[in-house]
Amino acid sequence: MATLDFTGEYEHRVDDRGRLAIPAAYRLLFEHGGFLLPGPDGQLELYTPDGYAQEKRTRTVGDKLKATDRRLARSFFGRVRRVDLDRQGRIVIPQPLREQRDLHGDTTIIGMGDYLEIWSSDAWRTEQSAIDDSYAQLLQDLADSMASADSFDPSEASI
């Protein structure tokens, strides 16, 4: 199976009926529908059916006897929405999700490797500015964590 790699930034518009065109390069990946989920940073996440199955395994691995694990499962399953593409390659974003994320008019779709993010264009510009301001530090933190992982010697670990 080939590795999925959603990349890039795409400007689109949500119309009066809540329809949003999926970038043409990715439409075939959603021919069997997709799954929308509110993201933690003000965006929506759009998963292919396979991507949703993987994300479901990632987010719901906990023990449902624990309150925090039940809450995480509720936040995932209770908020996810199944969507289908129409003949023009559009999905309909349910009105409550459009209102929660202020998705009216100009919208930006961002590739996130294994899923797409859907942002109001204004919110995306704010996020992009924050990314630009912290990019050098983010790279340094990554380099530091990689160096730390590389220097770990399991024989020195105490049990």
N, C-alpha and C. Protein backbone atom coordinates (compact mmCIF):
# COMPACT_ATOMS: atom_id res chain seq x y z
N MET A 1 0.84 -1.18 0.00
CA MET A 1 0.00 0.00 0.00
C MET A 1 0.88 1.25 0.00
N ALA A 2 0.59 2.19 -0.86
CA ALA A 2 1.36 3.41 -0.97
C ALA A 2 1.10 4.31 0.24
N THR A 3 2.10 5.10 0.59
CA THR A 3 1.95 6.03 1.70
C THR A 3 1.22 7.27 1.20
N LEU A 4 0.23 7.67 1.96
CA LEU A 4 -0.55 8.85 1.64
C LEU A 4 0.22 10.07 2.12
N ASP A 5 0.23 11.12 1.32
CA ASP A 5 0.97 12.31 1.71
C ASP A 5 0.22 13.55 1.26
N PHE A 6 -0.68 14.06 2.10
CA PHE A 6 -1.38 15.30 1.81
C PHE A 6 -0.41 16.45 2.08
N THR A 7 -0.19 17.29 1.08
CA THR A 7 0.72 18.42 1.22
C THR A 7 0.08 19.65 0.58
N GLY A 8 0.66 20.79 0.85
CA GLY A 8 0.27 22.02 0.17
C GLY A 8 -0.78 22.83 0.90
N GLU A 9 -1.08 23.96 0.29
CA GLU A 9 -2.04 24.92 0.80
C GLU A 9 -2.96 25.30 -0.35
N TYR A 10 -4.26 25.23 -0.14
CA TYR A 10 -5.24 25.44 -1.21
C TYR A 10 -6.30 26.43 -0.75
N GLU A 11 -6.52 27.45 -1.56
CA GLU A 11 -7.54 28.45 -1.27
C GLU A 11 -8.85 28.04 -1.94
N HIS A 12 -9.91 27.97 -1.17
CA HIS A 12 -11.25 27.65 -1.69
C HIS A 12 -12.26 28.53 -0.97
N ARG A 13 -13.53 28.34 -1.31
CA ARG A 13 -14.62 29.08 -0.66
C ARG A 13 -15.70 28.11 -0.22
N VAL A 14 -16.25 28.37 0.95
CA VAL A 14 -17.45 27.66 1.39
C VAL A 14 -18.62 28.47 0.86
N ASP A 15 -19.53 27.80 0.13
CA ASP A 15 -20.68 28.53 -0.42
C ASP A 15 -21.81 28.63 0.60
N ASP A 16 -22.92 29.26 0.19
CA ASP A 16 -24.06 29.50 1.10
C ASP A 16 -24.63 28.21 1.68
N ARG A 17 -24.49 27.12 0.96
CA ARG A 17 -25.03 25.83 1.42
C ARG A 17 -24.00 25.02 2.22
N GLY A 18 -22.84 25.59 2.44
CA GLY A 18 -21.82 24.90 3.23
C GLY A 18 -20.97 23.94 2.42
N ARG A 19 -21.01 24.07 1.09
CA ARG A 19 -20.22 23.17 0.24
C ARG A 19 -18.82 23.71 0.06
N LEU A 20 -17.85 22.80 0.13
CA LEU A 20 -16.44 23.14 -0.02
C LEU A 20 -15.81 22.15 -0.98
N ALA A 21 -15.15 22.67 -2.02
CA ALA A 21 -14.46 21.81 -2.98
C ALA A 21 -13.19 21.26 -2.37
N ILE A 22 -12.99 19.97 -2.55
CA ILE A 22 -11.75 19.31 -2.13
C ILE A 22 -10.74 19.51 -3.26
N PRO A 23 -9.47 19.77 -2.95
CA PRO A 23 -8.48 19.94 -4.02
C PRO A 23 -8.54 18.76 -5.01
N ALA A 24 -8.54 19.08 -6.29
CA ALA A 24 -8.71 18.07 -7.35
C ALA A 24 -7.74 16.90 -7.22
N ALA A 25 -6.52 17.17 -6.82
CA ALA A 25 -5.52 16.11 -6.71
C ALA A 25 -5.88 15.05 -5.68
N TYR A 26 -6.78 15.38 -4.75
CA TYR A 26 -7.11 14.46 -3.65
C TYR A 26 -8.52 13.89 -3.72
N ARG A 27 -9.30 14.28 -4.70
CA ARG A 27 -10.70 13.86 -4.75
C ARG A 27 -10.88 12.35 -4.83
N LEU A 28 -10.04 11.67 -5.59
CA LEU A 28 -10.19 10.21 -5.69
C LEU A 28 -10.01 9.52 -4.34
N LEU A 29 -9.20 10.10 -3.47
CA LEU A 29 -8.98 9.51 -2.15
C LEU A 29 -10.22 9.59 -1.27
N PHE A 30 -11.16 10.46 -1.64
CA PHE A 30 -12.40 10.61 -0.88
C PHE A 30 -13.60 10.07 -1.65
N GLU A 31 -13.37 9.24 -2.67
CA GLU A 31 -14.48 8.73 -3.47
C GLU A 31 -15.45 7.90 -2.63
N HIS A 32 -14.99 7.36 -1.52
CA HIS A 32 -15.86 6.60 -0.61
C HIS A 32 -16.21 7.42 0.62
N GLY A 33 -16.11 8.73 0.49
CA GLY A 33 -16.46 9.63 1.57
C GLY A 33 -15.26 9.99 2.43
N GLY A 34 -15.55 10.69 3.50
CA GLY A 34 -14.52 11.11 4.43
C GLY A 34 -15.13 11.36 5.79
N PHE A 35 -14.30 11.77 6.72
CA PHE A 35 -14.73 12.00 8.09
C PHE A 35 -14.18 13.34 8.55
N LEU A 36 -15.09 14.22 9.01
CA LEU A 36 -14.73 15.54 9.53
C LEU A 36 -14.71 15.50 11.04
N LEU A 37 -13.72 16.15 11.62
CA LEU A 37 -13.60 16.21 13.07
C LEU A 37 -13.08 17.59 13.45
N PRO A 38 -13.71 18.25 14.43
CA PRO A 38 -13.14 19.53 14.88
C PRO A 38 -11.75 19.30 15.45
N GLY A 39 -10.81 20.10 15.02
CA GLY A 39 -9.44 20.00 15.51
C GLY A 39 -9.24 20.86 16.75
N PRO A 40 -8.14 20.67 17.44
CA PRO A 40 -7.90 21.38 18.69
C PRO A 40 -7.45 22.83 18.54
N ASP A 41 -7.15 23.27 17.32
CA ASP A 41 -6.60 24.61 17.13
C ASP A 41 -7.51 25.54 16.34
N GLY A 42 -8.79 25.21 16.24
CA GLY A 42 -9.73 26.06 15.52
C GLY A 42 -9.99 25.63 14.09
N GLN A 43 -9.48 24.51 13.68
CA GLN A 43 -9.64 24.00 12.33
C GLN A 43 -10.53 22.75 12.34
N LEU A 44 -10.88 22.29 11.15
CA LEU A 44 -11.50 20.97 10.99
C LEU A 44 -10.46 20.04 10.40
N GLU A 45 -10.52 18.78 10.76
CA GLU A 45 -9.65 17.76 10.19
C GLU A 45 -10.51 16.89 9.28
N LEU A 46 -10.01 16.59 8.09
CA LEU A 46 -10.73 15.75 7.13
C LEU A 46 -9.88 14.52 6.84
N TYR A 47 -10.44 13.35 7.16
CA TYR A 47 -9.75 12.07 6.99
C TYR A 47 -10.39 11.25 5.89
N THR A 48 -9.58 10.52 5.16
CA THR A 48 -10.10 9.48 4.26
C THR A 48 -10.63 8.36 5.14
N PRO A 49 -11.41 7.41 4.59
CA PRO A 49 -11.86 6.29 5.42
C PRO A 49 -10.70 5.52 6.06
N ASP A 50 -9.63 5.28 5.32
CA ASP A 50 -8.47 4.58 5.90
C ASP A 50 -7.80 5.44 6.97
N GLY A 51 -7.67 6.72 6.71
CA GLY A 51 -7.07 7.62 7.69
C GLY A 51 -7.89 7.70 8.96
N TYR A 52 -9.22 7.69 8.80
CA TYR A 52 -10.11 7.71 9.96
C TYR A 52 -9.93 6.45 10.79
N ALA A 53 -9.84 5.30 10.13
CA ALA A 53 -9.65 4.04 10.86
C ALA A 53 -8.37 4.08 11.69
N GLN A 54 -7.31 4.63 11.11
CA GLN A 54 -6.05 4.74 11.85
C GLN A 54 -6.17 5.73 13.00
N GLU A 55 -6.78 6.88 12.74
CA GLU A 55 -6.93 7.89 13.78
C GLU A 55 -7.80 7.37 14.92
N LYS A 56 -8.81 6.61 14.57
CA LYS A 56 -9.68 6.01 15.59
C LYS A 56 -8.86 5.09 16.50
N ARG A 57 -7.99 4.30 15.92
CA ARG A 57 -7.12 3.43 16.73
C ARG A 57 -6.19 4.26 17.62
N THR A 58 -5.68 5.34 17.09
CA THR A 58 -4.74 6.18 17.85
C THR A 58 -5.43 6.87 19.03
N ARG A 59 -6.61 7.43 18.78
CA ARG A 59 -7.26 8.24 19.81
C ARG A 59 -8.11 7.45 20.79
N THR A 60 -8.38 6.21 20.50
CA THR A 60 -9.29 5.46 21.38
C THR A 60 -8.66 4.17 21.89
N VAL A 61 -7.37 4.20 22.15
CA VAL A 61 -6.67 3.01 22.63
C VAL A 61 -6.80 2.84 24.14
N GLY A 62 -7.33 3.83 24.81
CA GLY A 62 -7.36 3.81 26.26
C GLY A 62 -8.35 2.80 26.84
N ASP A 63 -8.35 2.78 28.13
CA ASP A 63 -9.20 1.91 28.93
C ASP A 63 -10.47 2.68 29.28
N LYS A 64 -11.61 2.26 28.74
CA LYS A 64 -12.84 3.01 28.95
C LYS A 64 -13.36 2.92 30.39
N LEU A 65 -12.62 2.22 31.25
CA LEU A 65 -12.93 2.25 32.66
C LEU A 65 -12.40 3.53 33.32
N LYS A 66 -11.48 4.22 32.62
CA LYS A 66 -10.92 5.48 33.12
C LYS A 66 -11.73 6.65 32.56
N ALA A 67 -12.03 7.60 33.44
CA ALA A 67 -12.83 8.77 33.03
C ALA A 67 -12.17 9.56 31.90
N THR A 68 -10.86 9.77 31.97
CA THR A 68 -10.20 10.56 30.92
C THR A 68 -10.25 9.85 29.57
N ASP A 69 -10.14 8.53 29.56
CA ASP A 69 -10.21 7.78 28.30
C ASP A 69 -11.62 7.80 27.72
N ARG A 70 -12.63 7.73 28.59
CA ARG A 70 -14.02 7.83 28.11
C ARG A 70 -14.27 9.21 27.51
N ARG A 71 -13.76 10.23 28.18
CA ARG A 71 -13.95 11.60 27.69
C ARG A 71 -13.28 11.79 26.32
N LEU A 72 -12.08 11.25 26.15
CA LEU A 72 -11.40 11.36 24.86
C LEU A 72 -12.20 10.62 23.78
N ALA A 73 -12.72 9.44 24.10
CA ALA A 73 -13.53 8.69 23.13
C ALA A 73 -14.79 9.48 22.78
N ARG A 74 -15.44 10.08 23.76
CA ARG A 74 -16.64 10.88 23.49
C ARG A 74 -16.31 12.07 22.59
N SER A 75 -15.19 12.72 22.88
CA SER A 75 -14.84 13.90 22.08
C SER A 75 -14.55 13.50 20.64
N PHE A 76 -14.06 12.29 20.45
CA PHE A 76 -13.77 11.83 19.10
C PHE A 76 -15.05 11.36 18.41
N PHE A 77 -15.68 10.32 18.94
CA PHE A 77 -16.85 9.72 18.27
C PHE A 77 -18.05 10.65 18.25
N GLY A 78 -18.24 11.43 19.30
CA GLY A 78 -19.40 12.31 19.37
C GLY A 78 -19.34 13.49 18.42
N ARG A 79 -18.14 13.86 17.99
CA ARG A 79 -18.00 15.04 17.15
C ARG A 79 -17.64 14.74 15.70
N VAL A 80 -17.28 13.49 15.41
CA VAL A 80 -16.90 13.16 14.04
C VAL A 80 -18.16 13.11 13.16
N ARG A 81 -18.04 13.58 11.93
CA ARG A 81 -19.16 13.59 10.98
C ARG A 81 -18.71 12.95 9.67
N ARG A 82 -19.51 12.05 9.17
CA ARG A 82 -19.24 11.43 7.87
C ARG A 82 -19.69 12.40 6.79
N VAL A 83 -18.88 12.55 5.75
CA VAL A 83 -19.22 13.42 4.61
C VAL A 83 -18.97 12.66 3.33
N ASP A 84 -19.71 13.02 2.29
CA ASP A 84 -19.55 12.41 0.97
C ASP A 84 -19.29 13.51 -0.05
N LEU A 85 -18.53 13.18 -1.09
CA LEU A 85 -18.30 14.11 -2.18
C LEU A 85 -19.48 14.09 -3.14
N ASP A 86 -19.86 15.27 -3.62
CA ASP A 86 -20.87 15.33 -4.67
C ASP A 86 -20.16 15.19 -6.03
N ARG A 87 -20.90 15.30 -7.10
CA ARG A 87 -20.32 15.11 -8.44
C ARG A 87 -19.29 16.16 -8.81
N GLN A 88 -19.33 17.31 -8.13
CA GLN A 88 -18.36 18.38 -8.39
C GLN A 88 -17.15 18.31 -7.45
N GLY A 89 -17.06 17.24 -6.65
CA GLY A 89 -15.92 17.08 -5.76
C GLY A 89 -15.99 17.93 -4.51
N ARG A 90 -17.22 18.21 -4.06
CA ARG A 90 -17.40 19.04 -2.86
C ARG A 90 -17.96 18.21 -1.71
N ILE A 91 -17.65 18.63 -0.51
CA ILE A 91 -18.29 18.08 0.67
C ILE A 91 -19.20 19.16 1.25
N VAL A 92 -20.17 18.76 2.04
CA VAL A 92 -20.99 19.72 2.77
C VAL A 92 -20.53 19.70 4.22
N ILE A 93 -20.11 20.85 4.69
CA ILE A 93 -19.71 20.98 6.09
C ILE A 93 -20.97 21.31 6.88
N PRO A 94 -21.34 20.47 7.85
CA PRO A 94 -22.56 20.73 8.61
C PRO A 94 -22.53 22.13 9.26
N GLN A 95 -23.69 22.75 9.29
CA GLN A 95 -23.79 24.12 9.80
C GLN A 95 -23.20 24.31 11.19
N PRO A 96 -23.45 23.41 12.15
CA PRO A 96 -22.83 23.64 13.47
C PRO A 96 -21.30 23.69 13.40
N LEU A 97 -20.69 22.86 12.56
CA LEU A 97 -19.23 22.90 12.42
C LEU A 97 -18.78 24.19 11.73
N ARG A 98 -19.54 24.64 10.73
CA ARG A 98 -19.20 25.91 10.06
C ARG A 98 -19.25 27.06 11.05
N GLU A 99 -20.27 27.06 11.90
CA GLU A 99 -20.40 28.15 12.87
C GLU A 99 -19.30 28.07 13.93
N GLN A 100 -19.01 26.88 14.44
CA GLN A 100 -17.97 26.72 15.46
C GLN A 100 -16.61 27.20 14.95
N ARG A 101 -16.31 26.94 13.69
CA ARG A 101 -14.99 27.24 13.13
C ARG A 101 -15.00 28.46 12.22
N ASP A 102 -16.12 29.19 12.19
CA ASP A 102 -16.24 30.41 11.38
C ASP A 102 -15.86 30.17 9.92
N LEU A 103 -16.39 29.09 9.37
CA LEU A 103 -16.09 28.72 7.98
C LEU A 103 -17.19 29.25 7.07
N HIS A 104 -16.99 30.48 6.61
CA HIS A 104 -17.90 31.15 5.68
C HIS A 104 -17.03 31.87 4.68
N GLY A 105 -17.26 31.63 3.41
CA GLY A 105 -16.46 32.33 2.40
C GLY A 105 -15.06 31.75 2.27
N ASP A 106 -14.06 32.63 2.33
CA ASP A 106 -12.68 32.21 2.09
C ASP A 106 -12.21 31.17 3.09
N THR A 107 -11.69 30.08 2.55
CA THR A 107 -11.26 28.94 3.34
C THR A 107 -9.91 28.46 2.80
N THR A 108 -9.08 27.97 3.70
CA THR A 108 -7.78 27.43 3.30
C THR A 108 -7.70 25.98 3.74
N ILE A 109 -7.31 25.13 2.81
CA ILE A 109 -7.13 23.70 3.09
C ILE A 109 -5.63 23.44 3.12
N ILE A 110 -5.18 22.80 4.19
CA ILE A 110 -3.76 22.56 4.42
C ILE A 110 -3.51 21.06 4.44
N GLY A 111 -2.51 20.61 3.69
CA GLY A 111 -2.10 19.21 3.77
C GLY A 111 -1.32 18.96 5.04
N MET A 112 -1.69 17.89 5.75
CA MET A 112 -1.04 17.55 7.02
C MET A 112 -0.48 16.13 7.00
N GLY A 113 -0.02 15.69 5.83
CA GLY A 113 0.55 14.35 5.72
C GLY A 113 -0.51 13.29 5.55
N ASP A 114 -1.15 12.89 6.65
CA ASP A 114 -2.15 11.82 6.56
C ASP A 114 -3.59 12.31 6.61
N TYR A 115 -3.80 13.62 6.66
CA TYR A 115 -5.14 14.20 6.61
C TYR A 115 -5.06 15.64 6.12
N LEU A 116 -6.22 16.24 5.87
CA LEU A 116 -6.30 17.64 5.48
C LEU A 116 -6.88 18.45 6.63
N GLU A 117 -6.42 19.69 6.75
CA GLU A 117 -7.03 20.62 7.69
C GLU A 117 -7.79 21.67 6.91
N ILE A 118 -8.94 22.09 7.45
CA ILE A 118 -9.77 23.12 6.84
C ILE A 118 -9.85 24.28 7.82
N TRP A 119 -9.38 25.44 7.39
CA TRP A 119 -9.31 26.63 8.22
C TRP A 119 -10.10 27.76 7.57
N SER A 120 -10.67 28.66 8.37
CA SER A 120 -11.09 29.94 7.80
C SER A 120 -9.79 30.61 7.37
N SER A 121 -9.80 31.31 6.28
CA SER A 121 -8.55 31.90 5.79
C SER A 121 -7.97 32.90 6.78
N ASP A 122 -8.83 33.64 7.49
CA ASP A 122 -8.32 34.58 8.50
C ASP A 122 -7.61 33.84 9.62
N ALA A 123 -8.24 32.76 10.12
CA ALA A 123 -7.61 31.98 11.20
C ALA A 123 -6.31 31.36 10.72
N TRP A 124 -6.28 30.90 9.45
CA TRP A 124 -5.05 30.30 8.94
C TRP A 124 -3.92 31.33 8.87
N ARG A 125 -4.23 32.55 8.44
CA ARG A 125 -3.18 33.58 8.38
C ARG A 125 -2.60 33.85 9.77
N THR A 126 -3.45 33.86 10.79
CA THR A 126 -2.98 34.04 12.17
C THR A 126 -2.09 32.88 12.58
N GLU A 127 -2.52 31.66 12.30
CA GLU A 127 -1.72 30.47 12.63
C GLU A 127 -0.40 30.47 11.85
N GLN A 128 -0.46 30.81 10.57
CA GLN A 128 0.76 30.84 9.76
C GLN A 128 1.75 31.86 10.31
N SER A 129 1.26 33.00 10.77
CA SER A 129 2.14 34.01 11.36
C SER A 129 2.80 33.47 12.62
N ALA A 130 2.03 32.77 13.45
CA ALA A 130 2.60 32.17 14.67
C ALA A 130 3.65 31.12 14.31
N ILE A 131 3.39 30.34 13.28
CA ILE A 131 4.36 29.34 12.81
C ILE A 131 5.63 30.04 12.35
N ASP A 132 5.47 31.07 11.54
CA ASP A 132 6.63 31.79 11.02
C ASP A 132 7.47 32.38 12.16
N ASP A 133 6.79 32.93 13.19
CA ASP A 133 7.50 33.54 14.32
C ASP A 133 8.27 32.52 15.14
N SER A 134 7.81 31.27 15.17
CA SER A 134 8.44 30.28 16.05
C SER A 134 9.17 29.18 15.28
N TYR A 135 9.27 29.29 13.97
CA TYR A 135 9.81 28.20 13.15
C TYR A 135 11.24 27.82 13.54
N ALA A 136 12.10 28.79 13.71
CA ALA A 136 13.49 28.49 14.07
C ALA A 136 13.55 27.75 15.40
N GLN A 137 12.74 28.17 16.37
CA GLN A 137 12.74 27.50 17.68
C GLN A 137 12.16 26.10 17.57
N LEU A 138 11.14 25.92 16.75
CA LEU A 138 10.57 24.58 16.55
C LEU A 138 11.62 23.63 15.97
N LEU A 139 12.40 24.10 15.01
CA LEU A 139 13.46 23.28 14.43
C LEU A 139 14.54 22.97 15.47
N GLN A 140 14.89 23.96 16.28
CA GLN A 140 15.90 23.73 17.32
C GLN A 140 15.40 22.70 18.34
N ASP A 141 14.13 22.81 18.74
CA ASP A 141 13.56 21.84 19.68
C ASP A 141 13.58 20.43 19.09
N LEU A 142 13.28 20.32 17.81
CA LEU A 142 13.33 19.01 17.15
C LEU A 142 14.75 18.46 17.14
N ALA A 143 15.70 19.30 16.78
CA ALA A 143 17.11 18.87 16.76
C ALA A 143 17.55 18.43 18.16
N ASP A 144 17.16 19.17 19.18
CA ASP A 144 17.52 18.82 20.56
C ASP A 144 16.91 17.48 20.96
N SER A 145 15.65 17.26 20.62
CA SER A 145 15.02 15.99 21.00
C SER A 145 15.63 14.82 20.23
N MET A 146 16.01 15.04 18.98
CA MET A 146 16.66 13.98 18.21
C MET A 146 18.04 13.67 18.78
N ALA A 147 18.77 14.70 19.18
CA ALA A 147 20.10 14.49 19.77
C ALA A 147 19.97 13.76 21.10
N SER A 148 18.95 14.11 21.86
CA SER A 148 18.71 13.44 23.15
C SER A 148 18.38 11.97 22.94
N ALA A 149 17.55 11.68 21.95
CA ALA A 149 17.17 10.29 21.65
C ALA A 149 18.38 9.51 21.15
N ASP A 150 19.24 10.15 20.35
CA ASP A 150 20.43 9.48 19.81
C ASP A 150 21.45 9.17 20.89
N SER A 151 21.48 10.00 21.95
CA SER A 151 22.48 9.80 22.99
C SER A 151 22.02 8.85 24.09
N PHE A 152 20.80 8.36 24.01
CA PHE A 152 20.28 7.43 25.02
C PHE A 152 20.98 6.08 24.91
N ASP A 153 21.52 5.63 26.01
CA ASP A 153 22.18 4.33 26.06
C ASP A 153 21.38 3.43 26.99
N PRO A 154 20.66 2.44 26.43
CA PRO A 154 19.80 1.58 27.26
C PRO A 154 20.58 0.86 28.36
N SER A 155 21.86 0.62 28.18
CA SER A 155 22.62 -0.08 29.21
C SER A 155 22.83 0.78 30.45
N GLU A 156 22.66 2.11 30.29
CA GLU A 156 22.82 3.00 31.43
C GLU A 156 21.52 3.24 32.17
N ALA A 157 20.42 2.75 31.64
CA ALA A 157 19.11 2.96 32.27
C ALA A 157 19.01 2.14 33.54
N SER A 158 18.49 2.75 34.59
CA SER A 158 18.30 2.02 35.83
C SER A 158 16.91 1.40 35.84
N ILE A 159 16.81 0.27 36.46
CA ILE A 159 15.54 -0.45 36.49
C ILE A 159 14.96 -0.37 37.88
